[in-house]
Protein backbone atom coordinates (compact mmCIF):
# COMPACT_ATOMS: atom_id res chain seq x y z
CA MET A 1 20.53 42.29 -50.36
CA ILE A 2 22.27 45.73 -50.43
CA VAL A 3 21.29 48.40 -52.40
CA GLU A 4 23.91 51.44 -53.41
CA VAL A 5 22.12 54.97 -53.68
CA LYS A 6 24.29 57.08 -55.11
CA GLU A 7 22.13 60.01 -55.48
CA ILE A 8 19.77 60.50 -52.80
CA THR A 9 16.74 61.67 -53.53
CA PRO A 10 13.05 61.59 -52.26
CA ASP A 11 12.46 60.85 -55.99
CA ASN A 12 15.27 57.87 -55.76
CA VAL A 13 13.82 56.65 -52.65
CA GLU A 14 10.76 56.49 -53.91
CA MET A 15 11.62 54.58 -56.85
CA LEU A 16 13.71 51.76 -55.11
CA LEU A 17 10.73 51.41 -52.48
CA ALA A 18 8.63 50.81 -55.22
CA LYS A 19 11.14 48.80 -56.89
CA PHE A 20 11.02 46.12 -54.16
CA ASN A 21 7.93 46.25 -52.58
CA LYS A 22 6.32 44.39 -55.44
CA ARG A 23 5.19 41.69 -53.08
CA PRO A 24 1.40 42.26 -52.38
CA ARG A 25 0.64 42.54 -48.64
CA LYS A 26 -0.92 39.27 -46.92
CA THR A 27 -3.92 39.73 -44.41
CA LEU A 28 -5.07 37.13 -41.76
CA GLY A 29 -8.30 36.38 -43.80
CA ASP A 30 -5.45 35.13 -46.44
CA PHE A 31 -4.97 32.15 -44.46
CA PHE A 32 -8.34 31.37 -43.34
CA GLY A 33 -8.83 27.41 -44.71
CA LYS A 34 -5.87 27.21 -45.85
CA LEU A 35 -4.70 23.75 -44.16
CA LYS A 36 -6.82 20.58 -45.78
CA ARG A 37 -6.18 17.73 -43.47
CA GLY A 38 -8.99 15.81 -43.18
CA ILE A 39 -8.84 15.59 -38.99
CA ASP A 40 -11.34 17.31 -36.75
CA GLY A 41 -9.51 19.73 -34.91
CA LEU A 42 -11.04 19.04 -31.55
CA GLU A 43 -10.02 15.38 -32.12
CA TYR A 44 -6.48 15.96 -33.07
CA GLN A 45 -6.12 18.72 -30.17
CA LYS A 46 -7.30 15.93 -27.58
CA ALA A 47 -5.06 13.18 -29.51
CA MET A 48 -2.32 15.76 -29.09
CA ARG A 49 -2.96 16.19 -25.19
CA SER A 50 -2.92 12.40 -24.30
CA GLU A 51 0.43 11.85 -25.27
CA TRP A 52 1.66 14.66 -22.80
CA GLY A 53 -0.38 12.82 -19.62
């Protein structure tokens, strides 16, 4: 993405930053419990590790 600024002032910079930063910030807590696979995590790890050996 290219943003062309013809006149650089602190107000223009603040306006452009506000315009392009509309996405809400994510925190680690937003991702807890998102993977619902119906598989026990420990059993999955054991199955994956047994394939290596």
